Amino acid sequence: MATSDSRAIPWVIEQQTVVKHQLLRSYMATWMNILWAQQELLRRPPHLIYVDGFAGPGEYWKTDEKTEKVDGSPIIVGKIANDLMKGNRKIDIIAFDAHKVTVNHLAPLLNAINTKQQAWEVTHEDFSTGAKGLMDKLAARLGRDYPTFFFIDPFGYSDFPMTLLAEILKHERTEVFVTFMTYDIVRFMVKPDAEKKMVELFGTEEYKEHAQKCKTAEERVNFISTLYRRQLVGMAKAKHVFGFRVNTPGQEGRARYFLFHASNHIKALKEMKNAMDRTSEQEFKFEAIGVGEDNQLDLFVATPEKLVKAALLVLVEKAPGGKMEYSKIENWAYERTSGVARNIKAALVELEKEGKVKIERKPKQKTNTVVDGAVVEFTPSLGL
């Protein structure tokens, strides 16, 4: 996370950062395992790239007592890589930070754990400039478009413009994971001197429409979060985008920030959402954000389980012939609802018990769940 040169290094970690790091730790282990194994299966060089856009000092004090330290994101990823690396597997770790004192603290920490002589580097450069140079290098690697994960975790809302994210996501096997500071954005987007940064952030002046369309802070959060997701899909051309609301204590029910994951493969979205489901804590609880028929994000849903069930029933009903393969239903639901596999399967089994759908399972498939190969059929005789 970005900081200023005047802040003591290291500083005490914020609990919301702890939660983000738990999610990053869970996902990156899966990401490395899957992609390295896939490359090896296809007899390609097993080579991955991790980019930390606002890297921070690499370590933090765990509490105000300052008796114990915890790792920052570049160190977390480096240690995971060390545990999973074998044979000729490689991972480049590229960390950017705009503050020299932070870079000077992080660099020796990362170097100390680079026991397998990988291409790990810490660069004193703002993320926007550094990432543009990196993308030029990646574009020059003809036939070697290595899977790349960008962790973009700024302190505020500048230096990761939508135009840059669009450039990053041109690469088929690239993902971005962005901290979207809704609390700060809502506070500052009304100020004239923030206009340039806001236009860069969203890639459009549409954010200004909040003045006419929103009456409350909650409506503004919904509006800008929906706009940001829409821009990731429309302007940045990400094929799959999902948002996570992080409930923050002391914010009177408001989320201080959201996390957006954008990729070009449904498998990446599903694994990130699964990681969220595994690591969500009660205090700083992740909430997967569903997407309504009007492409508006459902940010404040009291009973998401019911919405998942209702959405699946409508989906199957509208499918050609009222039938749909389970694998297609699952992919759709991961991207459009707040559910993960266990929620999706449970919802379909409930609908089957209620007589609203019929599930055609293959021989030997269990009747208390739904798996790939099954076909779900809407039963219009009973309907809703």
Protein backbone atom coordinates (compact mmCIF):
# COMPACT_ATOMS: atom_id res chain seq x y z
CA MET A 1 0.00 0.00 0.00
CA ALA A 2 1.28 3.48 -0.82
CA THR A 3 2.49 5.78 1.91
CA SER A 4 4.42 9.02 2.29
CA ASP A 5 8.10 9.47 2.93
CA SER A 6 7.29 11.07 6.28
CA ARG A 7 5.53 8.01 7.70
CA ALA A 8 7.60 5.79 10.01
CA ILE A 9 8.74 2.57 8.31
CA PRO A 10 7.42 0.03 9.07
CA TRP A 11 4.03 1.14 10.35
CA VAL A 12 1.28 -0.75 12.19
CA ILE A 13 -0.79 -2.77 9.75
CA GLU A 14 -4.46 -1.87 9.41
CA GLN A 15 -6.91 -4.72 9.93
CA GLN A 16 -8.46 -4.19 6.49
CA THR A 17 -4.99 -4.75 4.99
CA VAL A 18 -4.67 -7.99 6.97
CA VAL A 19 -7.88 -9.21 5.36
CA LYS A 20 -6.69 -8.27 1.87
CA HIS A 21 -3.46 -10.13 2.48
CA GLN A 22 -5.36 -13.23 3.61
CA LEU A 23 -7.30 -13.17 0.36
CA LEU A 24 -4.13 -12.58 -1.68
CA ARG A 25 -2.37 -15.46 0.11
CA SER A 26 -5.24 -17.86 -0.56
CA TYR A 27 -5.62 -16.92 -4.22
CA MET A 28 -1.96 -16.75 -5.18
CA ALA A 29 -1.27 -20.29 -3.98
CA THR A 30 -4.10 -21.52 -6.21
CA TRP A 31 -3.02 -19.28 -9.09
CA MET A 32 0.55 -20.58 -9.07
CA ASN A 33 -0.40 -24.23 -8.71
CA ILE A 34 -2.95 -24.18 -11.52
CA LEU A 35 -0.93 -22.17 -14.03
CA TRP A 36 2.40 -23.86 -13.47
CA ALA A 37 0.74 -27.27 -13.80
CA GLN A 38 -1.09 -26.14 -16.94
CA GLN A 39 2.12 -24.87 -18.55
CA GLU A 40 3.91 -28.12 -17.71
CA LEU A 41 1.05 -30.17 -19.15
CA LEU A 42 1.27 -28.19 -22.40
CA ARG A 43 5.08 -28.49 -22.34
CA ARG A 44 5.53 -24.75 -22.11
CA PRO A 45 8.12 -23.02 -19.90
CA PRO A 46 6.52 -22.82 -16.43
CA HIS A 47 6.94 -19.07 -15.98
CA LEU A 48 4.67 -16.61 -14.16
CA ILE A 49 4.83 -12.89 -13.35
CA TYR A 50 3.53 -11.12 -10.23
CA VAL A 51 3.38 -7.31 -10.21
CA ASP A 52 2.84 -5.36 -6.98
CA GLY A 53 1.80 -1.87 -8.01
CA PHE A 54 1.95 -0.07 -4.65
CA ALA A 55 4.26 -2.46 -2.88
CA GLY A 56 4.80 -0.88 0.53
CA PRO A 57 7.68 -1.68 2.89
CA GLY A 58 7.31 -5.48 2.86
CA GLU A 59 6.61 -5.78 6.58
CA TYR A 60 4.38 -4.17 9.20
CA TRP A 61 4.05 -4.11 12.96
CA LYS A 62 1.23 -6.46 13.92
CA THR A 63 -0.09 -4.30 16.76
CA ASP A 64 0.47 -0.91 18.36
CA GLU A 65 2.77 -2.57 20.91
CA LYS A 66 5.27 -3.12 18.05
CA THR A 67 6.59 -6.41 19.36
CA GLU A 68 5.81 -8.59 16.34
CA LYS A 69 5.95 -8.05 12.58
CA VAL A 70 3.87 -9.49 9.73
CA ASP A 71 4.70 -9.74 6.03
CA GLY A 72 3.58 -7.36 3.30
CA SER A 73 2.22 -8.47 -0.06
CA PRO A 74 5.53 -8.91 -2.02
CA ILE A 75 6.98 -11.03 0.79
CA ILE A 76 3.80 -13.07 1.10
CA VAL A 77 3.90 -13.90 -2.61
CA GLY A 78 7.63 -14.61 -2.56
CA LYS A 79 7.27 -17.10 0.30
CA ILE A 80 4.35 -18.86 -1.42
CA ALA A 81 6.44 -19.14 -4.58
CA ASN A 82 9.36 -20.62 -2.66
CA ASP A 83 7.08 -23.29 -1.18
CA LEU A 84 5.55 -24.25 -4.54
CA MET A 85 8.54 -23.92 -6.84
CA LYS A 86 10.14 -27.10 -8.15
CA GLY A 87 12.03 -28.21 -11.23
CA ASN A 88 12.37 -25.39 -13.73
CA ARG A 89 9.44 -23.33 -12.47
CA LYS A 90 9.98 -19.57 -12.48
CA ILE A 91 8.15 -16.51 -11.22
CA ASP A 92 9.18 -12.90 -11.72
CA ILE A 93 8.19 -10.56 -8.88
CA ILE A 94 8.17 -6.91 -9.86
CA ALA A 95 7.38 -4.42 -7.09
CA PHE A 96 6.85 -0.71 -7.67
CA ASP A 97 6.67 2.03 -5.07
CA ALA A 98 6.88 5.78 -5.54
CA HIS A 99 8.62 6.43 -2.21
CA LYS A 100 12.35 5.88 -1.89
CA VAL A 101 12.34 5.14 1.85
CA THR A 102 9.76 2.41 1.29
CA VAL A 103 11.75 0.89 -1.56
CA ASN A 104 14.92 0.91 0.54
CA HIS A 105 13.12 -1.01 3.27
CA LEU A 106 11.47 -3.57 0.97
CA ALA A 107 14.37 -4.38 -1.37
CA PRO A 108 16.63 -6.21 1.13
CA LEU A 109 13.65 -8.08 2.60
CA LEU A 110 12.66 -9.43 -0.81
CA ASN A 111 16.24 -10.20 -1.74
CA ALA A 112 16.73 -12.14 1.50
CA ILE A 113 13.98 -14.64 0.65
CA ASN A 114 14.97 -14.98 -3.02
CA THR A 115 16.76 -18.24 -2.27
CA LYS A 116 16.07 -19.76 -5.70
CA GLN A 117 17.64 -16.95 -7.68
CA GLN A 118 14.49 -15.72 -9.38
CA ALA A 119 14.06 -12.41 -11.22
CA TRP A 120 12.71 -10.39 -8.29
CA GLU A 121 13.13 -6.63 -8.30
CA VAL A 122 11.95 -3.57 -6.40
CA THR A 123 11.76 -0.36 -8.41
CA HIS A 124 11.52 3.22 -7.17
CA GLU A 125 8.87 4.35 -9.61
CA ASP A 126 5.23 5.30 -9.57
CA PHE A 127 2.99 2.47 -10.70
CA SER A 128 1.62 4.16 -13.82
CA THR A 129 5.09 4.84 -15.25
CA GLY A 130 6.51 1.49 -14.21
CA ALA A 131 3.59 -0.52 -15.52
CA LYS A 132 3.69 1.19 -18.90
CA GLY A 133 7.35 0.25 -19.29
CA LEU A 134 6.63 -3.30 -18.19
CA MET A 135 3.79 -3.69 -20.68
CA ASP A 136 6.12 -2.56 -23.47
CA LYS A 137 8.55 -5.31 -22.45
CA LEU A 138 5.78 -7.92 -22.32
CA ALA A 139 4.52 -6.86 -25.74
CA ALA A 140 8.00 -7.47 -27.15
CA ARG A 141 8.03 -11.08 -25.90
CA LEU A 142 6.53 -12.58 -29.02
CA GLY A 143 5.07 -16.00 -28.25
CA ARG A 144 5.91 -15.68 -24.54
CA ASP A 145 2.90 -14.01 -23.02
CA TYR A 146 3.42 -15.35 -19.50
CA PRO A 147 0.44 -15.34 -17.11
CA THR A 148 0.69 -12.11 -15.12
CA PHE A 149 -1.11 -11.00 -11.96
CA PHE A 150 -1.26 -7.30 -11.03
CA PHE A 151 -2.00 -6.46 -7.39
CA ILE A 152 -3.02 -2.77 -7.40
CA ASP A 153 -3.46 -1.66 -3.81
CA PRO A 154 -3.21 2.14 -3.60
CA PHE A 155 -3.78 4.30 -0.56
CA GLY A 156 -6.07 6.58 -2.54
CA TYR A 157 -7.49 6.76 -6.04
CA SER A 158 -4.70 7.96 -8.35
CA ASP A 159 -1.90 6.49 -10.50
CA PHE A 160 -3.85 3.52 -11.91
CA PRO A 161 -5.89 5.10 -14.74
CA MET A 162 -8.46 3.09 -16.66
CA THR A 163 -6.42 3.55 -19.85
CA LEU A 164 -3.54 1.69 -18.17
CA LEU A 165 -5.79 -1.14 -17.02
CA ALA A 166 -7.05 -1.43 -20.60
CA GLU A 167 -3.47 -1.78 -21.82
CA ILE A 168 -2.72 -4.42 -19.19
CA LEU A 169 -5.83 -6.46 -19.97
CA LYS A 170 -5.03 -6.65 -23.68
CA HIS A 171 -2.89 -9.61 -22.72
CA GLU A 172 -5.08 -12.71 -22.64
CA ARG A 173 -3.50 -14.28 -19.57
CA THR A 174 -3.31 -11.17 -17.42
CA GLU A 175 -5.37 -10.40 -14.31
CA VAL A 176 -5.75 -7.28 -12.20
CA PHE A 177 -6.89 -7.10 -8.60
CA VAL A 178 -7.72 -3.53 -7.61
CA THR A 179 -8.50 -1.85 -4.30
CA PHE A 180 -11.24 0.68 -5.08
CA MET A 181 -11.37 3.23 -2.25
CA THR A 182 -15.06 4.15 -2.36
CA TYR A 183 -14.97 6.12 0.90
CA ASP A 184 -12.25 8.48 -0.35
CA ILE A 185 -13.66 8.69 -3.86
CA VAL A 186 -17.11 9.71 -2.63
CA ARG A 187 -15.50 12.35 -0.39
CA PHE A 188 -13.26 13.92 -3.01
CA MET A 189 -15.08 13.52 -6.32
CA VAL A 190 -17.09 16.69 -5.66
CA LYS A 191 -13.94 18.79 -5.38
CA PRO A 192 -12.87 20.65 -8.57
CA ASP A 193 -9.16 19.99 -7.99
CA ALA A 194 -9.82 16.22 -8.05
CA GLU A 195 -11.50 16.23 -11.47
CA LYS A 196 -8.44 15.24 -13.51
CA LYS A 197 -7.66 12.26 -11.28
CA MET A 198 -11.31 11.16 -11.27
CA VAL A 199 -11.51 11.24 -15.05
CA GLU A 200 -8.33 9.16 -15.22
CA LEU A 201 -9.63 6.72 -12.62
CA PHE A 202 -12.92 6.05 -14.43
CA GLY A 203 -11.80 6.81 -17.99
CA THR A 204 -14.89 8.98 -18.40
CA GLU A 205 -16.60 12.09 -17.03
CA GLU A 206 -19.74 10.08 -16.29
CA TYR A 207 -18.85 10.00 -12.61
CA LYS A 208 -20.12 13.60 -12.46
CA GLU A 209 -23.67 12.35 -13.04
CA HIS A 210 -23.84 11.36 -9.37
CA ALA A 211 -24.89 14.96 -8.66
CA GLN A 212 -28.16 14.43 -10.51
CA LYS A 213 -28.72 10.72 -9.85
CA CYS A 214 -27.73 10.27 -6.20
CA LYS A 215 -29.23 11.74 -3.04
CA THR A 216 -27.41 9.74 -0.37
CA ALA A 217 -23.87 8.50 0.26
CA GLU A 218 -25.12 4.93 -0.21
CA GLU A 219 -26.48 5.76 -3.65
CA ARG A 220 -23.18 7.43 -4.60
CA VAL A 221 -21.24 4.31 -3.56
CA ASN A 222 -23.56 2.16 -5.68
CA PHE A 223 -23.29 4.55 -8.62
CA ILE A 224 -19.50 4.85 -8.74
CA SER A 225 -18.92 1.14 -8.08
CA THR A 226 -21.28 0.18 -10.88
CA LEU A 227 -19.62 2.71 -13.19
CA TYR A 228 -16.16 1.36 -12.36
CA ARG A 229 -17.20 -2.21 -13.10
CA ARG A 230 -18.83 -1.10 -16.34
CA GLN A 231 -15.65 0.66 -17.42
CA LEU A 232 -13.52 -2.40 -16.66
CA VAL A 233 -15.79 -4.40 -18.96
CA GLY A 234 -16.45 -1.75 -21.61
CA MET A 235 -13.31 0.36 -21.81
CA ALA A 236 -10.69 -2.04 -20.43
CA LYS A 237 -12.29 -4.98 -22.30
CA ALA A 238 -11.99 -7.40 -19.39
CA LYS A 239 -14.07 -10.48 -20.19
CA HIS A 240 -14.83 -11.23 -16.55
CA VAL A 241 -15.13 -8.71 -13.72
CA PHE A 242 -16.29 -9.27 -10.18
CA GLY A 243 -16.48 -6.97 -7.20
CA PHE A 244 -16.24 -7.63 -3.47
CA ARG A 245 -17.55 -5.28 -0.84
CA VAL A 246 -15.53 -5.28 2.39
CA ASN A 247 -17.67 -4.44 5.41
CA THR A 248 -15.60 -2.22 7.66
CA PRO A 249 -16.25 -1.79 11.41
CA GLY A 250 -16.75 1.81 12.53
CA GLN A 251 -18.12 2.91 9.15
CA GLU A 252 -21.79 2.66 10.19
CA GLY A 253 -22.48 -0.11 7.71
CA ARG A 254 -20.63 1.60 4.87
CA ALA A 255 -17.75 -0.10 3.12
CA ARG A 256 -14.49 1.87 3.10
CA TYR A 257 -13.43 0.09 -0.04
CA PHE A 258 -14.25 -2.56 -2.61
CA LEU A 259 -12.01 -5.06 -4.37
CA PHE A 260 -12.40 -5.59 -8.11
CA HIS A 261 -10.94 -8.59 -9.92
CA ALA A 262 -10.74 -8.42 -13.71
CA SER A 263 -9.52 -11.18 -15.99
CA ASN A 264 -10.04 -12.81 -19.36
CA HIS A 265 -10.93 -16.30 -18.18
CA ILE A 266 -13.91 -17.50 -16.14
CA LYS A 267 -11.66 -19.91 -14.22
CA ALA A 268 -9.75 -16.97 -12.76
CA LEU A 269 -12.93 -15.28 -11.59
CA LYS A 270 -14.23 -18.48 -10.02
CA GLU A 271 -11.01 -19.19 -8.14
CA MET A 272 -10.79 -15.63 -6.83
CA LYS A 273 -14.38 -15.81 -5.62
CA ASN A 274 -13.68 -19.18 -3.99
CA ALA A 275 -10.68 -17.65 -2.23
CA MET A 276 -12.90 -14.85 -0.95
CA ASP A 277 -15.37 -17.39 0.36
CA ARG A 278 -12.62 -19.28 2.19
CA THR A 279 -11.02 -16.27 3.85
CA SER A 280 -13.92 -13.98 4.73
CA GLU A 281 -13.91 -12.97 8.39
CA GLN A 282 -16.89 -11.91 10.42
CA GLU A 283 -15.48 -8.48 11.37
CA PHE A 284 -14.15 -7.49 7.94
CA LYS A 285 -16.51 -9.65 5.94
CA PHE A 286 -16.20 -9.94 2.17
CA GLU A 287 -19.49 -9.72 0.32
CA ALA A 288 -19.64 -10.81 -3.29
CA ILE A 289 -21.60 -8.25 -5.29
CA GLY A 290 -24.29 -9.55 -7.61
CA VAL A 291 -25.20 -7.85 -10.88
CA GLY A 292 -28.85 -7.19 -11.68
CA GLU A 293 -30.59 -7.40 -15.03
CA ASP A 294 -29.99 -3.65 -15.47
CA ASN A 295 -26.24 -4.20 -14.88
CA GLN A 296 -26.54 -2.35 -11.57
CA LEU A 297 -24.52 -3.81 -8.71
CA ASP A 298 -26.59 -5.23 -5.86
CA LEU A 299 -24.50 -3.77 -3.05
CA PHE A 300 -26.89 -3.87 -0.13
CA VAL A 301 -28.67 -7.20 -0.31
CA ALA A 302 -30.10 -8.48 2.98
CA THR A 303 -30.81 -12.03 1.77
CA PRO A 304 -28.40 -12.86 -1.09
CA GLU A 305 -29.27 -16.59 -0.92
CA LYS A 306 -32.82 -15.89 -2.02
CA LEU A 307 -31.61 -13.72 -4.88
CA VAL A 308 -29.25 -16.45 -6.11
CA LYS A 309 -32.14 -18.91 -6.16
CA ALA A 310 -34.51 -16.51 -7.91
CA ALA A 311 -31.87 -15.54 -10.49
CA LEU A 312 -31.15 -19.16 -11.38
CA LEU A 313 -34.84 -19.92 -11.88
CA VAL A 314 -35.23 -16.99 -14.28
CA LEU A 315 -32.04 -17.96 -16.11
CA VAL A 316 -33.19 -21.52 -16.78
CA GLU A 317 -36.70 -20.40 -17.70
CA LYS A 318 -35.33 -18.04 -20.36
CA ALA A 319 -32.84 -20.57 -21.77
CA PRO A 320 -33.63 -22.08 -25.20
CA GLY A 321 -36.16 -24.82 -24.63
CA GLY A 322 -36.11 -24.05 -20.92
CA LYS A 323 -33.00 -26.21 -20.51
CA MET A 324 -29.43 -25.41 -19.58
CA GLU A 325 -26.29 -27.41 -18.77
CA TYR A 326 -25.17 -27.08 -15.17
CA SER A 327 -21.65 -25.98 -16.12
CA LYS A 328 -23.09 -22.98 -18.00
CA ILE A 329 -25.39 -22.15 -15.10
CA GLU A 330 -22.47 -22.22 -12.68
CA ASN A 331 -20.32 -19.96 -14.85
CA TRP A 332 -23.17 -17.47 -15.23
CA ALA A 333 -23.98 -17.48 -11.53
CA TYR A 334 -20.38 -16.95 -10.49
CA GLU A 335 -20.25 -13.78 -12.53
CA ARG A 336 -23.77 -12.45 -12.01
CA THR A 337 -24.76 -13.42 -8.45
CA SER A 338 -23.23 -13.40 -4.99
CA GLY A 339 -23.06 -17.21 -4.88
CA VAL A 340 -20.23 -19.71 -5.12
CA ALA A 341 -20.54 -23.37 -6.14
CA ARG A 342 -22.03 -24.60 -2.87
CA ASN A 343 -24.70 -21.85 -2.94
CA ILE A 344 -25.49 -22.47 -6.60
CA LYS A 345 -25.82 -26.23 -6.16
CA ALA A 346 -27.95 -25.84 -3.02
CA ALA A 347 -30.26 -23.37 -4.77
CA LEU A 348 -30.84 -25.74 -7.69
CA VAL A 349 -31.52 -28.71 -5.39
CA GLU A 350 -34.06 -26.59 -3.50
CA LEU A 351 -35.74 -25.60 -6.75
CA GLU A 352 -35.87 -29.28 -7.71
CA LYS A 353 -37.51 -30.22 -4.40
CA GLU A 354 -40.06 -27.46 -4.92
CA GLY A 355 -40.85 -28.86 -8.37
CA LYS A 356 -39.77 -25.68 -10.16
CA VAL A 357 -36.96 -27.36 -12.10
CA LYS A 358 -36.08 -30.88 -13.13
CA ILE A 359 -32.45 -31.99 -12.97
CA GLU A 360 -31.41 -34.61 -15.51
CA ARG A 361 -28.38 -36.29 -13.96
CA LYS A 362 -26.03 -38.74 -15.59
CA PRO A 363 -25.89 -42.32 -14.27
CA LYS A 364 -24.28 -42.62 -10.81
CA GLN A 365 -24.50 -38.88 -10.14
CA LYS A 366 -25.72 -38.14 -6.62
CA THR A 367 -29.25 -36.80 -6.23
CA ASN A 368 -28.45 -34.45 -3.36
CA THR A 369 -26.25 -32.18 -5.47
CA VAL A 370 -25.61 -31.04 -9.05
CA VAL A 371 -22.38 -31.59 -10.98
CA ASP A 372 -21.01 -31.07 -14.48
CA GLY A 373 -22.86 -33.16 -17.03
CA ALA A 374 -26.28 -32.55 -15.50
CA VAL A 375 -28.96 -30.61 -17.36
CA VAL A 376 -31.44 -28.37 -15.56
CA GLU A 377 -34.92 -27.97 -17.04
CA PHE A 378 -37.55 -25.42 -16.10
CA THR A 379 -40.99 -26.89 -15.31
CA PRO A 380 -43.51 -24.37 -16.64
CA SER A 381 -46.48 -26.29 -15.29
CA LEU A 382 -45.58 -25.11 -11.78
CA GLY A 383 -43.58 -21.96 -12.55
CA LEU A 384 -43.04 -19.65 -9.58
